[in-house]
PDB file of N, CA and C in Angstrom:
ATOM      1  N   MET A   1      51.733  22.055  77.087  1.00  0.00           N
ATOM      2  CA  MET A   1      52.685  23.018  77.055  1.00  0.00           C
ATOM      3  C   MET A   1      52.030  24.383  77.171  1.00  0.00           C
ATOM      4  N   ALA A   2      52.566  25.221  78.002  1.00  0.00           N
ATOM      5  CA  ALA A   2      51.693  26.642  77.955  1.00  0.00           C
ATOM      6  C   ALA A   2      52.844  27.680  77.807  1.00  0.00           C
ATOM      7  N   VAL A   3      52.702  28.663  76.707  1.00  0.00           N
ATOM      8  CA  VAL A   3      53.681  29.385  76.433  1.00  0.00           C
ATOM      9  C   VAL A   3      53.171  30.847  76.553  1.00  0.00           C
ATOM     10  N   THR A   4      53.715  31.787  77.165  1.00  0.00           N
ATOM     11  CA  THR A   4      53.461  33.206  77.215  1.00  0.00           C
ATOM     12  C   THR A   4      53.980  33.864  75.869  1.00  0.00           C
ATOM     13  N   LEU A   5      53.064  34.535  75.250  1.00  0.00           N
ATOM     14  CA  LEU A   5      53.338  35.372  73.843  1.00  0.00           C
ATOM     15  C   LEU A   5      52.908  36.896  74.454  1.00  0.00           C
ATOM     16  N   GLN A   6      53.776  37.740  73.760  1.00  0.00           N
ATOM     17  CA  GLN A   6      53.444  39.326  73.918  1.00  0.00           C
ATOM     18  C   GLN A   6      53.262  39.803  72.594  1.00  0.00           C
ATOM     19  N   VAL A   7      51.927  40.394  72.476  1.00  0.00           N
ATOM     20  CA  VAL A   7      51.838  41.218  71.264  1.00  0.00           C
ATOM     21  C   VAL A   7      52.624  42.311  71.151  1.00  0.00           C
ATOM     22  N   ARG A   8      53.257  42.468  69.932  1.00  0.00           N
ATOM     23  CA  ARG A   8      54.297  43.558  69.791  1.00  0.00           C
ATOM     24  C   ARG A   8      53.529  44.422  68.888  1.00  0.00           C
ATOM     25  N   GLN A   9      54.470  45.413  68.306  1.00  0.00           N
ATOM     26  CA  GLN A   9      54.198  46.311  67.113  1.00  0.00           C
ATOM     27  C   GLN A   9      53.378  45.678  66.314  1.00  0.00           C
ATOM     28  N   ARG A  10      52.180  46.377  65.671  1.00  0.00           N
ATOM     29  CA  ARG A  10      51.604  45.839  64.498  1.00  0.00           C
ATOM     30  C   ARG A  10      50.986  44.388  64.743  1.00  0.00           C
ATOM     31  N   GLY A  11      50.754  44.036  66.054  1.00  0.00           N
ATOM     32  CA  GLY A  11      49.995  42.896  66.395  1.00  0.00           C
ATOM     33  C   GLY A  11      50.885  41.501  66.242  1.00  0.00           C
ATOM     34  N   THR A  12      52.180  41.830  66.113  1.00  0.00           N
ATOM     35  CA  THR A  12      53.264  40.643  65.786  1.00  0.00           C
ATOM     36  C   THR A  12      53.186  39.904  67.112  1.00  0.00           C
ATOM     37  N   LEU A  13      53.255  38.492  66.814  1.00  0.00           N
ATOM     38  CA  LEU A  13      53.647  37.440  67.922  1.00  0.00           C
ATOM     39  C   LEU A  13      54.735  36.572  67.356  1.00  0.00           C
ATOM     40  N   THR A  14      55.644  36.377  68.443  1.00  0.00           N
ATOM     41  CA  THR A  14      56.852  35.554  68.112  1.00  0.00           C
ATOM     42  C   THR A  14      56.631  34.363  68.755  1.00  0.00           C
ATOM     43  N   LEU A  15      56.614  33.247  67.944  1.00  0.00           N
ATOM     44  CA  LEU A  15      56.636  31.804  68.428  1.00  0.00           C
ATOM     45  C   LEU A  15      57.937  31.369  68.941  1.00  0.00           C
ATOM     46  N   PRO A  16      58.152  30.685  70.034  1.00  0.00           N
ATOM     47  CA  PRO A  16      59.707  30.348  70.603  1.00  0.00           C
ATOM     48  C   PRO A  16      60.145  29.477  69.529  1.00  0.00           C
ATOM     49  N   ALA A  17      61.513  29.492  69.394  1.00  0.00           N
ATOM     50  CA  ALA A  17      62.256  28.767  68.506  1.00  0.00           C
ATOM     51  C   ALA A  17      61.988  27.320  68.720  1.00  0.00           C
ATOM     52  N   LYS A  18      61.969  26.699  69.998  1.00  0.00           N
ATOM     53  CA  LYS A  18      61.803  25.311  70.300  1.00  0.00           C
ATOM     54  C   LYS A  18      60.414  25.035  69.584  1.00  0.00           C
ATOM     55  N   LEU A  19      59.401  25.790  69.606  1.00  0.00           N
ATOM     56  CA  LEU A  19      58.188  25.328  69.133  1.00  0.00           C
ATOM     57  C   LEU A  19      58.242  25.521  67.431  1.00  0.00           C
ATOM     58  N   ARG A  20      59.092  26.269  67.044  1.00  0.00           N
ATOM     59  CA  ARG A  20      59.200  26.637  65.432  1.00  0.00           C
ATOM     60  C   ARG A  20      59.752  25.389  65.033  1.00  0.00           C
ATOM     61  N   ALA A  21      60.899  24.912  65.843  1.00  0.00           N
ATOM     62  CA  ALA A  21      61.584  23.787  65.409  1.00  0.00           C
ATOM     63  C   ALA A  21      61.071  22.364  65.413  1.00  0.00           C
ATOM     64  N   LYS A  22      60.175  22.238  66.658  1.00  0.00           N
ATOM     65  CA  LYS A  22      59.562  21.195  66.852  1.00  0.00           C
ATOM     66  C   LYS A  22      58.531  20.772  65.893  1.00  0.00           C
ATOM     67  N   TYR A  23      57.760  21.966  65.406  1.00  0.00           N
ATOM     68  CA  TYR A  23      56.672  21.609  64.405  1.00  0.00           C
ATOM     69  C   TYR A  23      57.033  22.229  62.988  1.00  0.00           C
ATOM     70  N   LYS A  24      58.381  22.483  62.666  1.00  0.00           N
ATOM     71  CA  LYS A  24      58.763  22.904  61.457  1.00  0.00           C
ATOM     72  C   LYS A  24      58.337  24.023  60.873  1.00  0.00           C
ATOM     73  N   ILE A  25      57.995  25.042  61.625  1.00  0.00           N
ATOM     74  CA  ILE A  25      57.386  26.182  61.184  1.00  0.00           C
ATOM     75  C   ILE A  25      58.485  27.238  60.504  1.00  0.00           C
ATOM     76  N   GLU A  26      58.162  27.619  59.416  1.00  0.00           N
ATOM     77  CA  GLU A  26      59.354  28.266  58.827  1.00  0.00           C
ATOM     78  C   GLU A  26      58.565  29.945  58.404  1.00  0.00           C
ATOM     79  N   GLU A  27      59.330  30.680  58.249  1.00  0.00           N
ATOM     80  CA  GLU A  27      59.029  32.213  57.838  1.00  0.00           C
ATOM     81  C   GLU A  27      58.214  31.938  56.477  1.00  0.00           C
ATOM     82  N   GLY A  28      57.007  32.641  56.803  1.00  0.00           N
ATOM     83  CA  GLY A  28      56.060  32.656  55.450  1.00  0.00           C
ATOM     84  C   GLY A  28      54.988  31.666  55.643  1.00  0.00           C
ATOM     85  N   ASP A  29      55.219  30.760  56.674  1.00  0.00           N
ATOM     86  CA  ASP A  29      54.017  29.688  56.913  1.00  0.00           C
ATOM     87  C   ASP A  29      52.652  30.539  57.295  1.00  0.00           C
ATOM     88  N   VAL A  30      51.585  29.830  57.080  1.00  0.00           N
ATOM     89  CA  VAL A  30      50.352  30.659  57.036  1.00  0.00           C
ATOM     90  C   VAL A  30      49.505  29.911  58.310  1.00  0.00           C
ATOM     91  N   PHE A  31      48.796  30.621  59.065  1.00  0.00           N
ATOM     92  CA  PHE A  31      48.050  29.886  60.282  1.00  0.00           C
ATOM     93  C   PHE A  31      46.459  30.350  60.136  1.00  0.00           C
ATOM     94  N   THR A  32      45.833  29.849  60.775  1.00  0.00           N
ATOM     95  CA  THR A  32      44.363  30.240  61.078  1.00  0.00           C
ATOM     96  C   THR A  32      43.993  30.341  62.507  1.00  0.00           C
ATOM     97  N   LEU A  33      43.630  31.622  62.835  1.00  0.00           N
ATOM     98  CA  LEU A  33      43.189  31.771  64.306  1.00  0.00           C
ATOM     99  C   LEU A  33      41.685  31.704  64.379  1.00  0.00           C
ATOM    100  N   ILE A  34      41.380  30.684  65.242  1.00  0.00           N
ATOM    101  CA  ILE A  34      40.157  30.294  65.584  1.00  0.00           C
ATOM    102  C   ILE A  34      39.591  31.018  66.960  1.00  0.00           C
ATOM    103  N   ASP A  35      38.697  31.774  66.859  1.00  0.00           N
ATOM    104  CA  ASP A  35      38.047  32.433  68.294  1.00  0.00           C
ATOM    105  C   ASP A  35      37.134  31.492  68.568  1.00  0.00           C
ATOM    106  N   LEU A  36      37.087  30.730  69.702  1.00  0.00           N
ATOM    107  CA  LEU A  36      36.127  30.042  70.418  1.00  0.00           C
ATOM    108  C   LEU A  36      35.531  30.765  71.662  1.00  0.00           C
ATOM    109  N   ASP A  37      34.860  32.053  71.333  1.00  0.00           N
ATOM    110  CA  ASP A  37      34.295  32.581  72.300  1.00  0.00           C
ATOM    111  C   ASP A  37      35.412  32.999  73.431  1.00  0.00           C
ATOM    112  N   GLY A  38      36.575  33.618  72.859  1.00  0.00           N
ATOM    113  CA  GLY A  38      37.409  34.146  73.851  1.00  0.00           C
ATOM    114  C   GLY A  38      38.609  33.344  73.992  1.00  0.00           C
ATOM    115  N   VAL A  39      38.701  31.915  73.602  1.00  0.00           N
ATOM    116  CA  VAL A  39      39.692  31.044  73.798  1.00  0.00           C
ATOM    117  C   VAL A  39      40.055  30.978  72.309  1.00  0.00           C
ATOM    118  N   LEU A  40      41.384  31.441  72.074  1.00  0.00           N
ATOM    119  CA  LEU A  40      41.931  31.601  70.663  1.00  0.00           C
ATOM    120  C   LEU A  40      42.877  30.347  70.446  1.00  0.00           C
ATOM    121  N   VAL A  41      42.773  29.750  69.385  1.00  0.00           N
ATOM    122  CA  VAL A  41      43.314  28.683  68.727  1.00  0.00           C
ATOM    123  C   VAL A  41      44.362  28.941  67.564  1.00  0.00           C
ATOM    124  N   LEU A  42      45.444  28.763  67.754  1.00  0.00           N
ATOM    125  CA  LEU A  42      46.315  29.172  66.532  1.00  0.00           C
ATOM    126  C   LEU A  42      46.669  27.635  65.710  1.00  0.00           C
ATOM    127  N   SER A  43      46.301  27.542  64.517  1.00  0.00           N
ATOM    128  CA  SER A  43      46.650  26.344  63.857  1.00  0.00           C
ATOM    129  C   SER A  43      47.217  26.426  62.562  1.00  0.00           C
ATOM    130  N   PRO A  44      48.471  25.587  62.395  1.00  0.00           N
ATOM    131  CA  PRO A  44      49.031  25.855  61.059  1.00  0.00           C
ATOM    132  C   PRO A  44      47.930  25.481  59.937  1.00  0.00           C
ATOM    133  N   ARG A  45      48.084  26.395  59.029  1.00  0.00           N
ATOM    134  CA  ARG A  45      47.502  25.994  57.508  1.00  0.00           C
ATOM    135  C   ARG A  45      48.317  25.625  56.603  1.00  0.00           C
ATOM    136  N   VAL A  46      48.395  24.109  56.484  1.00  0.00           N
ATOM    137  CA  VAL A  46      49.540  23.391  55.736  1.00  0.00           C
ATOM    138  C   VAL A  46      49.110  23.509  54.384  1.00  0.00           C
ATOM    139  N   SER A  47      49.794  23.980  53.387  1.00  0.00           N
ATOM    140  CA  SER A  47      49.652  23.820  51.836  1.00  0.00           C
ATOM    141  C   SER A  47      50.435  22.447  51.572  1.00  0.00           C
ATOM    142  N   ILE A  48      49.549  21.500  51.150  1.00  0.00           N
ATOM    143  CA  ILE A  48      50.126  20.308  50.839  1.00  0.00           C
ATOM    144  C   ILE A  48      51.104  20.079  49.630  1.00  0.00           C
ATOM    145  N   VAL A  49      50.344  21.092  48.539  1.00  0.00           N
ATOM    146  CA  VAL A  49      50.943  21.127  47.289  1.00  0.00           C
ATOM    147  C   VAL A  49      52.702  21.268  47.144  1.00  0.00           C
ATOM    148  N   PRO A  50      53.153  22.407  47.866  1.00  0.00           N
ATOM    149  CA  PRO A  50      54.501  22.537  47.712  1.00  0.00           C
ATOM    150  C   PRO A  50      55.346  21.575  48.375  1.00  0.00           C
ATOM    151  N   LYS A  51      54.636  20.813  49.522  1.00  0.00           N
ATOM    152  CA  LYS A  51      55.449  19.776  50.147  1.00  0.00           C
ATOM    153  C   LYS A  51      55.545  18.561  49.315  1.00  0.00           C
ATOM    154  N   LEU A  52      54.363  18.325  48.479  1.00  0.00           N
ATOM    155  CA  LEU A  52      54.298  17.274  47.685  1.00  0.00           C
ATOM    156  C   LEU A  52      55.070  17.325  46.461  1.00  0.00           C
ATOM    157  N   VAL A  53      55.182  18.450  45.834  1.00  0.00           N
ATOM    158  CA  VAL A  53      56.201  18.744  44.762  1.00  0.00           C
ATOM    159  C   VAL A  53      57.661  18.417  45.212  1.00  0.00           C
ATOM    160  N   GLY A  54      58.026  19.236  46.500  1.00  0.00           N
ATOM    161  CA  GLY A  54      59.181  18.888  46.877  1.00  0.00           C
ATOM    162  C   GLY A  54      59.634  17.215  47.227  1.00  0.00           C
ATOM    163  N   GLU A  55      58.808  16.796  47.594  1.00  0.00           N
ATOM    164  CA  GLU A  55      58.914  15.212  47.956  1.00  0.00           C
ATOM    165  C   GLU A  55      59.109  14.462  46.375  1.00  0.00           C
ATOM    166  N   ILE A  56      58.169  14.724  45.656  1.00  0.00           N
ATOM    167  CA  ILE A  56      58.222  14.076  44.300  1.00  0.00           C
ATOM    168  C   ILE A  56      59.618  14.731  43.577  1.00  0.00           C
ATOM    169  N   GLU A  57      60.132  15.640  43.703  1.00  0.00           N
ATOM    170  CA  GLU A  57      61.306  15.893  42.927  1.00  0.00           C
ATOM    171  C   GLU A  57      62.480  15.364  43.668  1.00  0.00           C
ATOM    172  N   ARG A  58      62.472  15.249  45.131  1.00  0.00           N
ATOM    173  CA  ARG A  58      63.443  14.520  45.910  1.00  0.00           C
ATOM    174  C   ARG A  58      63.307  12.910  45.487  1.00  0.00           C
ATOM    175  N   LEU A  59      62.354  12.411  45.348  1.00  0.00           N
ATOM    176  CA  LEU A  59      62.197  10.844  44.731  1.00  0.00           C
ATOM    177  C   LEU A  59      62.778  10.883  43.478  1.00  0.00           C
ATOM    178  N   ARG A  60      62.534  11.689  42.686  1.00  0.00           N
ATOM    179  CA  ARG A  60      62.862  11.796  41.218  1.00  0.00           C
ATOM    180  C   ARG A  60      64.331  11.753  41.055  1.00  0.00           C
ATOM    181  N   GLU A  61      64.860  12.680  41.746  1.00  0.00           N
ATOM    182  CA  GLU A  61      66.282  12.787  41.782  1.00  0.00           C
ATOM    183  C   GLU A  61      67.013  11.567  42.360  1.00  0.00           C
ATOM    184  N   ALA A  62      66.471  11.030  43.378  1.00  0.00           N
ATOM    185  CA  ALA A  62      67.160   9.817  44.078  1.00  0.00           C
ATOM    186  C   ALA A  62      67.146   8.593  43.088  1.00  0.00           C
ATOM    187  N   SER A  63      65.978   8.588  42.169  1.00  0.00           N
ATOM    188  CA  SER A  63      65.916   7.528  41.532  1.00  0.00           C
ATOM    189  C   SER A  63      66.599   7.679  39.984  1.00  0.00           C
ATOM    190  N   GLY A  64      66.989   9.003  39.860  1.00  0.00           N
ATOM    191  CA  GLY A  64      67.743   9.131  38.682  1.00  0.00           C
ATOM    192  C   GLY A  64      67.038   9.486  37.302  1.00  0.00           C
ATOM    193  N   GLN A  65      65.575   9.578  37.620  1.00  0.00           N
ATOM    194  CA  GLN A  65      64.659   9.741  36.461  1.00  0.00           C
ATOM    195  C   GLN A  65      64.788  11.258  36.062  1.00  0.00           C
ATOM    196  N   THR A  66      64.514  11.504  34.844  1.00  0.00           N
ATOM    197  CA  THR A  66      64.372  12.796  34.492  1.00  0.00           C
ATOM    198  C   THR A  66      62.877  13.251  34.354  1.00  0.00           C
ATOM    199  N   VAL A  67      62.570  14.461  34.253  1.00  0.00           N
ATOM    200  CA  VAL A  67      61.247  14.984  34.066  1.00  0.00           C
ATOM    201  C   VAL A  67      60.633  14.248  32.825  1.00  0.00           C
ATOM    202  N   GLU A  68      61.437  14.181  31.662  1.00  0.00           N
ATOM    203  CA  GLU A  68      60.914  13.320  30.516  1.00  0.00           C
ATOM    204  C   GLU A  68      60.714  11.909  30.776  1.00  0.00           C
ATOM    205  N   ASP A  69      61.313  11.423  31.587  1.00  0.00           N
ATOM    206  CA  ASP A  69      60.992  10.059  31.943  1.00  0.00           C
ATOM    207  C   ASP A  69      59.688   9.959  32.797  1.00  0.00           C
ATOM    208  N   LEU A  70      59.292  10.885  33.692  1.00  0.00           N
ATOM    209  CA  LEU A  70      57.936  10.859  34.286  1.00  0.00           C
ATOM    210  C   LEU A  70      56.988  11.239  33.257  1.00  0.00           C
ATOM    211  N   ILE A  71      56.986  12.185  32.467  1.00  0.00           N
ATOM    212  CA  ILE A  71      56.111  12.515  31.524  1.00  0.00           C
ATOM    213  C   ILE A  71      55.944  11.167  30.554  1.00  0.00           C
ATOM    214  N   LYS A  72      56.782  10.607  30.067  1.00  0.00           N
ATOM    215  CA  LYS A  72      56.615   9.376  29.185  1.00  0.00           C
ATOM    216  C   LYS A  72      55.903   8.499  30.146  1.00  0.00           C
ATOM    217  N   GLY A  73      56.184   8.246  31.422  1.00  0.00           N
ATOM    218  CA  GLY A  73      55.399   6.940  32.363  1.00  0.00           C
ATOM    219  C   GLY A  73      54.046   7.488  32.242  1.00  0.00           C
ATOM    220  N   LEU A  74      53.652   8.831  32.461  1.00  0.00           N
ATOM    221  CA  LEU A  74      52.280   9.182  32.477  1.00  0.00           C
ATOM    222  C   LEU A  74      51.644   8.907  31.140  1.00  0.00           C
ATOM    223  N   ASP A  75      52.285   9.235  30.049  1.00  0.00           N
ATOM    224  CA  ASP A  75      51.753   8.934  28.706  1.00  0.00           C
ATOM    225  C   ASP A  75      51.211   7.589  28.649  1.00  0.00           C
ATOM    226  N   GLU A  76      52.355   6.696  29.156  1.00  0.00           N
ATOM    227  CA  GLU A  76      52.235   5.204  28.886  1.00  0.00           C
ATOM    228  C   GLU A  76      50.794   4.734  29.876  1.00  0.00           C
ATOM    229  N   GLN A  77      50.861   5.244  30.976  1.00  0.00           N
ATOM    230  CA  GLN A  77      49.638   4.931  32.040  1.00  0.00           C
ATOM    231  C   GLN A  77      48.317   5.427  31.482  1.00  0.00           C
ATOM    232  N   ARG A  78      48.363   6.562  30.838  1.00  0.00           N
ATOM    233  CA  ARG A  78      47.125   6.893  30.331  1.00  0.00           C
ATOM    234  C   ARG A  78      46.653   5.993  29.260  1.00  0.00           C
ATOM    235  N   GLU A  79      47.507   5.682  28.423  1.00  0.00           N
ATOM    236  CA  GLU A  79      47.329   4.661  27.349  1.00  0.00           C
ATOM    237  C   GLU A  79      46.590   3.425  27.551  1.00  0.00           C
ATOM    238  N   ARG A  80      47.337   3.068  28.760  1.00  0.00           N
ATOM    239  CA  ARG A  80      46.790   1.732  29.518  1.00  0.00           C
ATOM    240  C   ARG A  80      45.403   1.940  29.996  1.00  0.00           C
ATOM    241  N   ILE A  81      45.062   2.919  30.728  1.00  0.00           N
ATOM    242  CA  ILE A  81      43.895   3.319  31.165  1.00  0.00           C
ATOM    243  C   ILE A  81      42.864   3.286  29.967  1.00  0.00           C
ATOM    244  N   HIS A  82      43.218   4.110  28.786  1.00  0.00           N
ATOM    245  CA  HIS A  82      42.076   4.164  27.693  1.00  0.00           C
ATOM    246  C   HIS A  82      42.148   2.744  27.031  1.00  0.00           C
ATOM    247  N   GLN A  83      43.086   1.990  26.954  1.00  0.00           N
ATOM    248  CA  GLN A  83      42.781   0.716  26.427  1.00  0.00           C
ATOM    249  C   GLN A  83      41.995  -0.145  27.382  1.00  0.00           C
ATOM    250  N   GLU A  84      42.170  -0.176  28.581  1.00  0.00           N
ATOM    251  CA  GLU A  84      41.104  -0.871  29.413  1.00  0.00           C
ATOM    252  C   GLU A  84      39.627  -0.414  29.331  1.00  0.00           C
ATOM    253  N   ARG A  85      39.728   0.937  29.406  1.00  0.00           N
ATOM    254  CA  ARG A  85      38.030   1.283  29.385  1.00  0.00           C
ATOM    255  C   ARG A  85      37.590   1.133  27.974  1.00  0.00           C
ATOM    256  N   THR A  86      38.320   1.249  27.033  1.00  0.00           N
ATOM    257  CA  THR A  86      37.598   0.775  25.643  1.00  0.00           C
ATOM    258  C   THR A  86      37.343  -0.677  25.254  1.00  0.00           C
ATOM    259  N   ALA A  87      38.118  -1.305  26.124  1.00  0.00           N
ATOM    260  CA  ALA A  87      38.020  -2.914  25.909  1.00  0.00           C
ATOM    261  C   ALA A  87      36.689  -3.297  26.703  1.00  0.00           C
ATOM    262  N   ASP A  88      36.423  -2.850  27.689  1.00  0.00           N
ATOM    263  CA  ASP A  88      35.188  -3.043  28.550  1.00  0.00           C
ATOM    264  C   ASP A  88      33.888  -2.335  27.852  1.00  0.00           C
ATOM    265  N   ALA A  89      34.060  -1.507  27.044  1.00  0.00           N
ATOM    266  CA  ALA A  89      32.722  -0.793  26.467  1.00  0.00           C
ATOM    267  C   ALA A  89      32.166  -1.763  25.494  1.00  0.00           C
TER     268      ALA A  89
END
């Protein structure tokens, strides 16, 4: 797919709505512009952490667990790992 973009005031480019929807591009998303000797490649720079946080929160809510439940589970897992490591030593 080829799309024609026009550089506007202050260097602004507008991506077509269909592409924004297709690739779930939202306001504030960050991109990397790579210059391959005159061929410009625009690539989304995806920060995985906020997306992971959102997914974990969605799963937590769907399962009915509280943040305290998650912390308790982490504490229990840490204790199991500690016991396994000290038993092997």
